[in-house]
Amino acid sequence: MTVNQAGAITRARQAQVAATGNKPLTLQDQINKMMPAIKMALPKSITPERFTRICLSAVSGNKALGECDPTTFLAAMMQSAQLGLEPNTPLGQAYLIPYRNNSKNRMECQFQLGYKGLLDLAHRSGQVKFIGAETVYEGDEFDYELGLAMTLKHKPAVSNRGEAKFYYAVYKMVNGGEGFVVMSKQDVIKHRQKYSKAKRSPWDDNFDEMAKKTVLKKLLKYMPLSTEAASQIATDQTVKTEITAHMEEVPNVWDVDFEEHAADAEDEERRQLDARTDPVTGEVKDEPAAD
């Protein structure tokens, strides 16, 4: 976490005390007071106003979120902000999940990545050429083989596909590496029963998407990703009780990467233009026709 981010959080907390005295703040109040820190954490593609509205909408739409320990909710919210993912929306990028911590006798907020959020993080690493997950139904043609010559073939049925039977995820790296992971529906259900402790969770309404996320996350463990990308993925299903410590774990590098890629593209465009410019007349030749 940068000094500016730490200062923004401190000033927000001081403002809370000054504005309310001993009056307890609602969770909505605390979200609004965190606006400066949210603005500093978010990538440029998401406005703090939009992100704040999304979080407030999540609280108003789920009474249990409003009952969560405020620090755990704010930390989960900041986790989502720093990753540049919108929580609890139809996009399915990330979720703020309330659950009861019986050992502490309180409600806490757990941050969960969604299937599309995992895909976003993998693609942002710049190391992945292709990555995705699919559902295999009873009527599909499906076969795979492990070992030194791994193969996977899936031909979806045109109609009458039946019930889901398997889920698999595949990847291909920029450097040519590739691989896949397959899980049966029964294995996915066992995973859900072991790790999904909330009474209601994304599994209830988006089973296939969460099943794809499960097999995709398993695949990511075997992929040769950078430490930074791996640490971002590891934030899934975490509960943070301290905002400062939480922010140190997931630096927001999206803006930096975006600006670097944009600068590289601009430099390449300039080099191509220089190559087509006559050094004597200054005239620019037409671009060669595409093959």
C-alpha atoms as a PDB file:
ATOM      1  CA  MET A   1       0.000   0.000   0.000  1.00  0.00           C
ATOM      2  CA  THR A   2       1.320   3.451  -0.864  1.00  0.00           C
ATOM      3  CA  VAL A   3       1.665   6.306   1.619  1.00  0.00           C
ATOM      4  CA  ASN A   4      -1.104   8.174  -0.224  1.00  0.00           C
ATOM      5  CA  GLN A   5      -3.489   5.237   0.111  1.00  0.00           C
ATOM      6  CA  ALA A   6      -2.753   4.863   3.815  1.00  0.00           C
ATOM      7  CA  GLY A   7      -3.268   8.608   4.294  1.00  0.00           C
ATOM      8  CA  ALA A   8      -6.584   8.511   2.453  1.00  0.00           C
ATOM      9  CA  ILE A   9      -7.890   5.747   4.713  1.00  0.00           C
ATOM     10  CA  THR A  10      -6.683   7.543   7.849  1.00  0.00           C
ATOM     11  CA  ARG A  11      -8.302  10.816   6.772  1.00  0.00           C
ATOM     12  CA  ALA A  12     -11.554   8.993   5.978  1.00  0.00           C
ATOM     13  CA  ARG A  13     -11.618   7.450   9.453  1.00  0.00           C
ATOM     14  CA  GLN A  14     -10.816  10.810  11.104  1.00  0.00           C
ATOM     15  CA  ALA A  15     -13.620  12.415   9.106  1.00  0.00           C
ATOM     16  CA  GLN A  16     -16.021   9.760  10.355  1.00  0.00           C
ATOM     17  CA  VAL A  17     -15.245  10.566  13.981  1.00  0.00           C
ATOM     18  CA  ALA A  18     -15.342  14.329  13.445  1.00  0.00           C
ATOM     19  CA  ALA A  19     -18.645  14.211  11.586  1.00  0.00           C
ATOM     20  CA  THR A  20     -20.556  11.868  13.843  1.00  0.00           C
ATOM     21  CA  GLY A  21     -18.961  12.055  17.263  1.00  0.00           C
ATOM     22  CA  ASN A  22     -20.089   9.006  19.212  1.00  0.00           C
ATOM     23  CA  LYS A  23     -23.000   8.256  16.872  1.00  0.00           C
ATOM     24  CA  PRO A  24     -22.428   4.861  15.191  1.00  0.00           C
ATOM     25  CA  LEU A  25     -22.099   4.987  11.418  1.00  0.00           C
ATOM     26  CA  THR A  26     -24.204   2.818   9.186  1.00  0.00           C
ATOM     27  CA  LEU A  27     -22.415   0.604   6.679  1.00  0.00           C
ATOM     28  CA  GLN A  28     -23.689   2.873   3.911  1.00  0.00           C
ATOM     29  CA  ASP A  29     -22.098   5.864   5.692  1.00  0.00           C
ATOM     30  CA  GLN A  30     -18.781   4.054   5.960  1.00  0.00           C
ATOM     31  CA  ILE A  31     -18.813   3.113   2.270  1.00  0.00           C
ATOM     32  CA  ASN A  32     -19.382   6.741   1.325  1.00  0.00           C
ATOM     33  CA  LYS A  33     -16.617   7.885   3.671  1.00  0.00           C
ATOM     34  CA  MET A  34     -14.226   5.452   2.007  1.00  0.00           C
ATOM     35  CA  MET A  35     -14.665   7.178  -1.360  1.00  0.00           C
ATOM     36  CA  PRO A  36     -11.130   8.711  -1.433  1.00  0.00           C
ATOM     37  CA  ALA A  37      -9.504   5.326  -0.788  1.00  0.00           C
ATOM     38  CA  ILE A  38     -11.809   3.630  -3.307  1.00  0.00           C
ATOM     39  CA  LYS A  39     -10.865   6.207  -5.939  1.00  0.00           C
ATOM     40  CA  MET A  40      -7.165   5.553  -5.408  1.00  0.00           C
ATOM     41  CA  ALA A  41      -7.595   1.771  -5.548  1.00  0.00           C
ATOM     42  CA  LEU A  42      -9.766   1.515  -8.653  1.00  0.00           C
ATOM     43  CA  PRO A  43      -8.415   1.243 -12.205  1.00  0.00           C
ATOM     44  CA  LYS A  44      -9.337   4.126 -14.503  1.00  0.00           C
ATOM     45  CA  SER A  45     -11.952   2.040 -16.311  1.00  0.00           C
ATOM     46  CA  ILE A  46     -14.299   2.117 -13.266  1.00  0.00           C
ATOM     47  CA  THR A  47     -15.450   5.353 -11.651  1.00  0.00           C
ATOM     48  CA  PRO A  48     -15.580   5.467  -7.827  1.00  0.00           C
ATOM     49  CA  GLU A  49     -19.187   6.691  -8.043  1.00  0.00           C
ATOM     50  CA  ARG A  50     -20.235   3.636 -10.029  1.00  0.00           C
ATOM     51  CA  PHE A  51     -18.322   1.249  -7.780  1.00  0.00           C
ATOM     52  CA  THR A  52     -19.817   2.826  -4.653  1.00  0.00           C
ATOM     53  CA  ARG A  53     -23.339   2.548  -6.079  1.00  0.00           C
ATOM     54  CA  ILE A  54     -22.732  -1.135  -6.821  1.00  0.00           C
ATOM     55  CA  CYS A  55     -21.600  -1.788  -3.236  1.00  0.00           C
ATOM     56  CA  LEU A  56     -24.529   0.142  -1.755  1.00  0.00           C
ATOM     57  CA  SER A  57     -26.892  -1.774  -4.019  1.00  0.00           C
ATOM     58  CA  ALA A  58     -25.358  -5.054  -2.803  1.00  0.00           C
ATOM     59  CA  VAL A  59     -26.010  -4.050   0.818  1.00  0.00           C
ATOM     60  CA  SER A  60     -29.579  -2.901   0.176  1.00  0.00           C
ATOM     61  CA  GLY A  61     -30.306  -6.105  -1.744  1.00  0.00           C
ATOM     62  CA  ASN A  62     -28.933  -8.443   0.901  1.00  0.00           C
ATOM     63  CA  LYS A  63     -29.859  -7.766   4.520  1.00  0.00           C
ATOM     64  CA  ALA A  64     -27.177 -10.162   5.779  1.00  0.00           C
ATOM     65  CA  LEU A  65     -24.424  -8.032   4.202  1.00  0.00           C
ATOM     66  CA  GLY A  66     -25.573  -5.094   6.306  1.00  0.00           C
ATOM     67  CA  GLU A  67     -25.192  -7.267   9.424  1.00  0.00           C
ATOM     68  CA  CYS A  68     -21.560  -8.159   8.659  1.00  0.00           C
ATOM     69  CA  ASP A  69     -18.704  -6.853  10.752  1.00  0.00           C
ATOM     70  CA  PRO A  70     -18.030  -3.501   8.988  1.00  0.00           C
ATOM     71  CA  THR A  71     -14.271  -3.975   8.721  1.00  0.00           C
ATOM     72  CA  THR A  72     -14.621  -7.324   6.968  1.00  0.00           C
ATOM     73  CA  PHE A  73     -17.116  -5.839   4.511  1.00  0.00           C
ATOM     74  CA  LEU A  74     -14.977  -2.764   3.780  1.00  0.00           C
ATOM     75  CA  ALA A  75     -11.876  -4.929   3.356  1.00  0.00           C
ATOM     76  CA  ALA A  76     -13.699  -7.246   0.927  1.00  0.00           C
ATOM     77  CA  MET A  77     -14.992  -4.202  -0.924  1.00  0.00           C
ATOM     78  CA  MET A  78     -11.473  -2.776  -1.227  1.00  0.00           C
ATOM     79  CA  GLN A  79     -10.217  -6.189  -2.366  1.00  0.00           C
ATOM     80  CA  SER A  80     -12.672  -6.021  -5.259  1.00  0.00           C
ATOM     81  CA  ALA A  81     -11.760  -2.399  -6.014  1.00  0.00           C
ATOM     82  CA  GLN A  82      -8.049  -3.088  -6.230  1.00  0.00           C
ATOM     83  CA  LEU A  83      -8.610  -6.013  -8.564  1.00  0.00           C
ATOM     84  CA  GLY A  84     -10.780  -3.803 -10.759  1.00  0.00           C
ATOM     85  CA  LEU A  85     -13.772  -6.155 -10.455  1.00  0.00           C
ATOM     86  CA  GLU A  86     -17.384  -5.143  -9.881  1.00  0.00           C
ATOM     87  CA  PRO A  87     -18.941  -7.211  -7.049  1.00  0.00           C
ATOM     88  CA  ASN A  88     -22.440  -8.697  -6.910  1.00  0.00           C
ATOM     89  CA  THR A  89     -23.496  -7.767 -10.456  1.00  0.00           C
ATOM     90  CA  PRO A  90     -24.818  -9.898 -13.342  1.00  0.00           C
ATOM     91  CA  LEU A  91     -21.295  -9.744 -14.816  1.00  0.00           C
ATOM     92  CA  GLY A  92     -20.273 -12.420 -12.298  1.00  0.00           C
ATOM     93  CA  GLN A  93     -16.799 -10.959 -11.769  1.00  0.00           C
ATOM     94  CA  ALA A  94     -16.743 -11.035  -7.963  1.00  0.00           C
ATOM     95  CA  TYR A  95     -19.001 -11.469  -4.943  1.00  0.00           C
ATOM     96  CA  LEU A  96     -19.287 -10.118  -1.408  1.00  0.00           C
ATOM     97  CA  ILE A  97     -20.685 -13.061   0.562  1.00  0.00           C
ATOM     98  CA  PRO A  98     -22.060 -12.837   4.133  1.00  0.00           C
ATOM     99  CA  TYR A  99     -21.607 -15.802   6.426  1.00  0.00           C
ATOM    100  CA  ARG A 100     -21.684 -16.437  10.163  1.00  0.00           C
ATOM    101  CA  ASN A 101     -18.408 -16.965  11.987  1.00  0.00           C
ATOM    102  CA  ASN A 102     -19.570 -19.114  14.893  1.00  0.00           C
ATOM    103  CA  SER A 103     -16.227 -18.922  16.706  1.00  0.00           C
ATOM    104  CA  LYS A 104     -16.548 -15.109  16.886  1.00  0.00           C
ATOM    105  CA  ASN A 105     -20.353 -15.116  17.034  1.00  0.00           C
ATOM    106  CA  ARG A 106     -20.710 -12.527  14.294  1.00  0.00           C
ATOM    107  CA  MET A 107     -21.463 -12.114  10.609  1.00  0.00           C
ATOM    108  CA  GLU A 108     -18.437 -11.585   8.360  1.00  0.00           C
ATOM    109  CA  CYS A 109     -18.001 -10.743   4.700  1.00  0.00           C
ATOM    110  CA  GLN A 110     -16.059 -13.078   2.443  1.00  0.00           C
ATOM    111  CA  PHE A 111     -14.597 -11.965  -0.874  1.00  0.00           C
ATOM    112  CA  GLN A 112     -15.136 -14.426  -3.724  1.00  0.00           C
ATOM    113  CA  LEU A 113     -13.924 -14.276  -7.300  1.00  0.00           C
ATOM    114  CA  GLY A 114     -16.389 -15.211 -10.011  1.00  0.00           C
ATOM    115  CA  TYR A 115     -15.686 -17.226 -13.154  1.00  0.00           C
ATOM    116  CA  LYS A 116     -15.417 -14.133 -15.333  1.00  0.00           C
ATOM    117  CA  GLY A 117     -13.271 -12.400 -12.722  1.00  0.00           C
ATOM    118  CA  LEU A 118     -10.770 -15.254 -12.847  1.00  0.00           C
ATOM    119  CA  LEU A 119     -10.694 -15.017 -16.639  1.00  0.00           C
ATOM    120  CA  ASP A 120     -10.051 -11.277 -16.430  1.00  0.00           C
ATOM    121  CA  LEU A 121      -7.149 -11.717 -14.016  1.00  0.00           C
ATOM    122  CA  ALA A 122      -5.597 -14.474 -16.132  1.00  0.00           C
ATOM    123  CA  HIS A 123      -5.797 -12.413 -19.325  1.00  0.00           C
ATOM    124  CA  ARG A 124      -4.406  -9.306 -17.626  1.00  0.00           C
ATOM    125  CA  SER A 125      -1.218 -11.184 -16.782  1.00  0.00           C
ATOM    126  CA  GLY A 126      -0.225 -10.938 -20.441  1.00  0.00           C
ATOM    127  CA  GLN A 127       1.061 -14.523 -20.318  1.00  0.00           C
ATOM    128  CA  VAL A 128      -2.105 -16.278 -21.485  1.00  0.00           C
ATOM    129  CA  LYS A 129      -3.046 -16.658 -25.154  1.00  0.00           C
ATOM    130  CA  PHE A 130      -6.283 -18.529 -24.478  1.00  0.00           C
ATOM    131  CA  ILE A 131      -8.105 -19.749 -21.392  1.00  0.00           C
ATOM    132  CA  GLY A 132     -11.649 -20.937 -20.811  1.00  0.00           C
ATOM    133  CA  ALA A 133     -13.957 -23.502 -19.260  1.00  0.00           C
ATOM    134  CA  GLU A 134     -16.826 -25.557 -20.656  1.00  0.00           C
ATOM    135  CA  THR A 135     -19.673 -27.770 -19.508  1.00  0.00           C
ATOM    136  CA  VAL A 136     -19.994 -31.305 -20.901  1.00  0.00           C
ATOM    137  CA  TYR A 137     -23.535 -32.699 -21.139  1.00  0.00           C
ATOM    138  CA  GLU A 138     -24.718 -36.304 -21.366  1.00  0.00           C
ATOM    139  CA  GLY A 139     -25.474 -36.061 -25.089  1.00  0.00           C
ATOM    140  CA  ASP A 140     -22.077 -34.587 -26.021  1.00  0.00           C
ATOM    141  CA  GLU A 141     -19.184 -36.534 -27.491  1.00  0.00           C
ATOM    142  CA  PHE A 142     -16.409 -36.207 -24.927  1.00  0.00           C
ATOM    143  CA  ASP A 143     -13.135 -38.011 -24.370  1.00  0.00           C
ATOM    144  CA  TYR A 144      -9.862 -37.144 -22.665  1.00  0.00           C
ATOM    145  CA  GLU A 145      -6.605 -38.886 -21.862  1.00  0.00           C
ATOM    146  CA  LEU A 146      -3.919 -38.003 -19.340  1.00  0.00           C
ATOM    147  CA  GLY A 147      -0.239 -38.879 -19.398  1.00  0.00           C
ATOM    148  CA  LEU A 148       2.677 -37.666 -21.519  1.00  0.00           C
ATOM    149  CA  ALA A 149       0.446 -37.210 -24.580  1.00  0.00           C
ATOM    150  CA  MET A 150      -2.572 -35.479 -23.055  1.00  0.00           C
ATOM    151  CA  THR A 151      -5.602 -35.139 -25.315  1.00  0.00           C
ATOM    152  CA  LEU A 152      -9.089 -33.695 -24.888  1.00  0.00           C
ATOM    153  CA  LYS A 153     -11.908 -33.843 -27.434  1.00  0.00           C
ATOM    154  CA  HIS A 154     -15.350 -32.328 -26.944  1.00  0.00           C
ATOM    155  CA  LYS A 155     -18.062 -32.194 -29.604  1.00  0.00           C
ATOM    156  CA  PRO A 156     -21.263 -30.662 -28.187  1.00  0.00           C
ATOM    157  CA  ALA A 157     -24.552 -32.232 -29.224  1.00  0.00           C
ATOM    158  CA  VAL A 158     -26.734 -30.114 -31.500  1.00  0.00           C
ATOM    159  CA  SER A 159     -29.848 -30.766 -29.382  1.00  0.00           C
ATOM    160  CA  ASN A 160     -31.097 -32.819 -26.439  1.00  0.00           C
ATOM    161  CA  ARG A 161     -27.826 -32.427 -24.586  1.00  0.00           C
ATOM    162  CA  GLY A 162     -29.234 -33.692 -21.299  1.00  0.00           C
ATOM    163  CA  GLU A 163     -27.797 -33.057 -17.831  1.00  0.00           C
ATOM    164  CA  ALA A 164     -24.327 -31.697 -17.058  1.00  0.00           C
ATOM    165  CA  LYS A 165     -21.798 -34.488 -16.598  1.00  0.00           C
ATOM    166  CA  PHE A 166     -18.301 -32.942 -16.586  1.00  0.00           C
ATOM    167  CA  TYR A 167     -16.657 -29.545 -16.376  1.00  0.00           C
ATOM    168  CA  TYR A 168     -13.233 -28.786 -17.825  1.00  0.00           C
ATOM    169  CA  ALA A 169     -10.858 -25.859 -18.237  1.00  0.00           C
ATOM    170  CA  VAL A 170      -8.123 -25.445 -20.853  1.00  0.00           C
ATOM    171  CA  TYR A 171      -5.315 -22.958 -21.402  1.00  0.00           C
ATOM    172  CA  LYS A 172      -2.652 -22.066 -23.932  1.00  0.00           C
ATOM    173  CA  MET A 173       0.222 -19.778 -22.977  1.00  0.00           C
ATOM    174  CA  VAL A 174       1.850 -17.160 -25.180  1.00  0.00           C
ATOM    175  CA  ASN A 175       5.057 -19.221 -25.067  1.00  0.00           C
ATOM    176  CA  GLY A 176       3.216 -22.311 -26.355  1.00  0.00           C
ATOM    177  CA  GLY A 177       2.566 -24.213 -23.107  1.00  0.00           C
ATOM    178  CA  GLU A 178      -0.886 -25.746 -22.743  1.00  0.00           C
ATOM    179  CA  GLY A 179      -2.925 -27.997 -20.477  1.00  0.00           C
ATOM    180  CA  PHE A 180      -6.356 -28.854 -19.115  1.00  0.00           C
ATOM    181  CA  VAL A 181      -8.202 -30.074 -16.005  1.00  0.00           C
ATOM    182  CA  VAL A 182     -11.415 -32.132 -15.918  1.00  0.00           C
ATOM    183  CA  MET A 183     -13.820 -32.564 -12.989  1.00  0.00           C
ATOM    184  CA  SER A 184     -16.995 -34.624 -12.801  1.00  0.00           C
ATOM    185  CA  LYS A 185     -20.181 -32.958 -11.595  1.00  0.00           C
ATOM    186  CA  GLN A 186     -20.004 -35.111  -8.450  1.00  0.00           C
ATOM    187  CA  ASP A 187     -16.505 -33.791  -7.685  1.00  0.00           C
ATOM    188  CA  VAL A 188     -17.719 -30.225  -8.151  1.00  0.00           C
ATOM    189  CA  ILE A 189     -20.615 -30.816  -5.760  1.00  0.00           C
ATOM    190  CA  LYS A 190     -18.209 -32.209  -3.141  1.00  0.00           C
ATOM    191  CA  HIS A 191     -16.043 -29.093  -3.547  1.00  0.00           C
ATOM    192  CA  ARG A 192     -19.057 -26.858  -3.014  1.00  0.00           C
ATOM    193  CA  GLN A 193     -20.101 -28.721   0.136  1.00  0.00           C
ATOM    194  CA  LYS A 194     -16.577 -28.389   1.550  1.00  0.00           C
ATOM    195  CA  TYR A 195     -15.839 -24.741   0.766  1.00  0.00           C
ATOM    196  CA  SER A 196     -19.163 -22.916   0.437  1.00  0.00           C
ATOM    197  CA  LYS A 197     -20.287 -22.278   4.018  1.00  0.00           C
ATOM    198  CA  ALA A 198     -22.773 -19.453   3.444  1.00  0.00           C
ATOM    199  CA  LYS A 199     -26.488 -20.198   3.624  1.00  0.00           C
ATOM    200  CA  ARG A 200     -26.927 -18.488   0.267  1.00  0.00           C
ATOM    201  CA  SER A 201     -24.118 -18.072  -2.224  1.00  0.00           C
ATOM    202  CA  PRO A 202     -23.567 -17.663  -5.995  1.00  0.00           C
ATOM    203  CA  TRP A 203     -23.880 -21.457  -6.239  1.00  0.00           C
ATOM    204  CA  ASP A 204     -27.614 -21.207  -5.605  1.00  0.00           C
ATOM    205  CA  ASP A 205     -28.332 -19.139  -8.724  1.00  0.00           C
ATOM    206  CA  ASN A 206     -25.275 -19.754 -10.921  1.00  0.00           C
ATOM    207  CA  PHE A 207     -24.226 -23.369 -10.426  1.00  0.00           C
ATOM    208  CA  ASP A 208     -22.686 -23.842 -13.883  1.00  0.00           C
ATOM    209  CA  GLU A 209     -20.729 -20.587 -13.676  1.00  0.00           C
ATOM    210  CA  MET A 210     -19.397 -21.492 -10.228  1.00  0.00           C
ATOM    211  CA  ALA A 211     -18.592 -25.027 -11.412  1.00  0.00           C
ATOM    212  CA  LYS A 212     -16.569 -23.544 -14.276  1.00  0.00           C
ATOM    213  CA  LYS A 213     -14.835 -21.265 -11.800  1.00  0.00           C
ATOM    214  CA  THR A 214     -13.953 -24.263  -9.614  1.00  0.00           C
ATOM    215  CA  VAL A 215     -12.305 -26.208 -12.419  1.00  0.00           C
ATOM    216  CA  LEU A 216     -10.690 -23.025 -13.779  1.00  0.00           C
ATOM    217  CA  LYS A 217      -9.177 -22.183 -10.405  1.00  0.00           C
ATOM    218  CA  LYS A 218      -7.816 -25.710 -10.157  1.00  0.00           C
ATOM    219  CA  LEU A 219      -6.262 -25.275 -13.597  1.00  0.00           C
ATOM    220  CA  LEU A 220      -4.675 -21.957 -12.636  1.00  0.00           C
ATOM    221  CA  LYS A 221      -2.762 -23.671  -9.830  1.00  0.00           C
ATOM    222  CA  TYR A 222      -0.790 -25.608 -12.455  1.00  0.00           C
ATOM    223  CA  MET A 223      -0.231 -22.734 -14.883  1.00  0.00           C
ATOM    224  CA  PRO A 224       3.159 -20.966 -14.968  1.00  0.00           C
ATOM    225  CA  LEU A 225       1.818 -17.546 -13.958  1.00  0.00           C
ATOM    226  CA  SER A 226       3.740 -14.704 -12.358  1.00  0.00           C
ATOM    227  CA  THR A 227       3.819 -14.388  -8.567  1.00  0.00           C
ATOM    228  CA  GLU A 228       1.725 -11.244  -8.875  1.00  0.00           C
ATOM    229  CA  ALA A 229      -1.032 -12.958 -10.866  1.00  0.00           C
ATOM    230  CA  ALA A 230      -0.981 -15.940  -8.497  1.00  0.00           C
ATOM    231  CA  SER A 231      -1.359 -13.668  -5.447  1.00  0.00           C
ATOM    232  CA  GLN A 232      -4.363 -11.946  -7.005  1.00  0.00           C
ATOM    233  CA  ILE A 233      -6.063 -15.278  -7.674  1.00  0.00           C
ATOM    234  CA  ALA A 234      -5.253 -16.395  -4.118  1.00  0.00           C
ATOM    235  CA  THR A 235      -7.502 -13.629  -2.744  1.00  0.00           C
ATOM    236  CA  ASP A 236     -10.512 -15.810  -3.553  1.00  0.00           C
ATOM    237  CA  GLN A 237     -12.626 -16.870  -0.548  1.00  0.00           C
ATOM    238  CA  THR A 238     -10.710 -14.671   1.891  1.00  0.00           C
ATOM    239  CA  VAL A 239     -11.922 -12.731   4.925  1.00  0.00           C
ATOM    240  CA  LYS A 240      -9.914  -9.667   5.880  1.00  0.00           C
ATOM    241  CA  THR A 241     -10.183  -7.983   9.259  1.00  0.00           C
ATOM    242  CA  GLU A 242      -7.747  -5.112   8.637  1.00  0.00           C
ATOM    243  CA  ILE A 243      -7.998  -2.821   5.644  1.00  0.00           C
ATOM    244  CA  THR A 244      -4.363  -1.715   5.627  1.00  0.00           C
ATOM    245  CA  ALA A 245      -2.949  -5.241   5.709  1.00  0.00           C
ATOM    246  CA  HIS A 246      -5.456  -6.282   3.065  1.00  0.00           C
ATOM    247  CA  MET A 247      -4.414  -3.501   0.726  1.00  0.00           C
ATOM    248  CA  GLU A 248      -0.748  -4.385   0.954  1.00  0.00           C
ATOM    249  CA  GLU A 249      -1.435  -7.851  -0.428  1.00  0.00           C
ATOM    250  CA  VAL A 250      -2.980  -6.881  -3.747  1.00  0.00           C
ATOM    251  CA  PRO A 251      -1.301  -3.892  -5.440  1.00  0.00           C
ATOM    252  CA  ASN A 252      -3.342  -2.427  -8.264  1.00  0.00           C
ATOM    253  CA  VAL A 253      -1.075  -2.768 -11.298  1.00  0.00           C
ATOM    254  CA  TRP A 254      -3.795  -2.635 -13.931  1.00  0.00           C
ATOM    255  CA  ASP A 255      -3.283   1.066 -14.687  1.00  0.00           C
ATOM    256  CA  VAL A 256       0.484   0.658 -14.896  1.00  0.00           C
ATOM    257  CA  ASP A 257       0.210  -2.296 -17.263  1.00  0.00           C
ATOM    258  CA  PHE A 258      -2.390  -0.513 -19.373  1.00  0.00           C
ATOM    259  CA  GLU A 259      -0.272   2.616 -19.687  1.00  0.00           C
ATOM    260  CA  GLU A 260       2.822   0.594 -20.565  1.00  0.00           C
ATOM    261  CA  HIS A 261       0.959  -1.331 -23.281  1.00  0.00           C
ATOM    262  CA  ALA A 262      -0.540   1.890 -24.623  1.00  0.00           C
ATOM    263  CA  ALA A 263       2.906   3.521 -24.731  1.00  0.00           C
ATOM    264  CA  ASP A 264       4.357   0.498 -26.535  1.00  0.00           C
ATOM    265  CA  ALA A 265       1.562   0.610 -29.106  1.00  0.00           C
ATOM    266  CA  GLU A 266       2.074   4.338 -29.622  1.00  0.00           C
ATOM    267  CA  ASP A 267       5.819   3.853 -30.100  1.00  0.00           C
ATOM    268  CA  GLU A 268       5.221   1.082 -32.640  1.00  0.00           C
ATOM    269  CA  GLU A 269       2.751   3.235 -34.564  1.00  0.00           C
ATOM    270  CA  ARG A 270       5.278   6.071 -34.623  1.00  0.00           C
ATOM    271  CA  ARG A 271       8.015   3.750 -35.910  1.00  0.00           C
ATOM    272  CA  GLN A 272       5.759   2.497 -38.693  1.00  0.00           C
ATOM    273  CA  LEU A 273       4.882   6.048 -39.666  1.00  0.00           C
ATOM    274  CA  ASP A 274       8.560   7.061 -39.741  1.00  0.00           C
ATOM    275  CA  ALA A 275       9.334   4.069 -41.958  1.00  0.00           C
ATOM    276  CA  ARG A 276       6.740   5.242 -44.511  1.00  0.00           C
ATOM    277  CA  THR A 277       7.827   8.883 -44.453  1.00  0.00           C
ATOM    278  CA  ASP A 278      10.157  10.150 -47.181  1.00  0.00           C
ATOM    279  CA  PRO A 279      13.109  11.834 -45.381  1.00  0.00           C
ATOM    280  CA  VAL A 280      13.461  14.433 -48.173  1.00  0.00           C
ATOM    281  CA  THR A 281       9.907  15.410 -49.099  1.00  0.00           C
ATOM    282  CA  GLY A 282       8.207  14.465 -45.848  1.00  0.00           C
ATOM    283  CA  GLU A 283       5.451  12.689 -47.744  1.00  0.00           C
ATOM    284  CA  VAL A 284       3.883   9.611 -46.188  1.00  0.00           C
ATOM    285  CA  LYS A 285       3.543   6.520 -48.363  1.00  0.00           C
ATOM    286  CA  ASP A 286       0.329   4.508 -48.302  1.00  0.00           C
ATOM    287  CA  GLU A 287       0.286   1.494 -45.984  1.00  0.00           C
ATOM    288  CA  PRO A 288       0.907  -1.822 -47.757  1.00  0.00           C
ATOM    289  CA  ALA A 289      -2.240  -3.836 -48.411  1.00  0.00           C
ATOM    290  CA  ALA A 290      -2.965  -6.627 -45.931  1.00  0.00           C
ATOM    291  CA  ASP A 291      -2.334 -10.183 -47.101  1.00  0.00           C
END
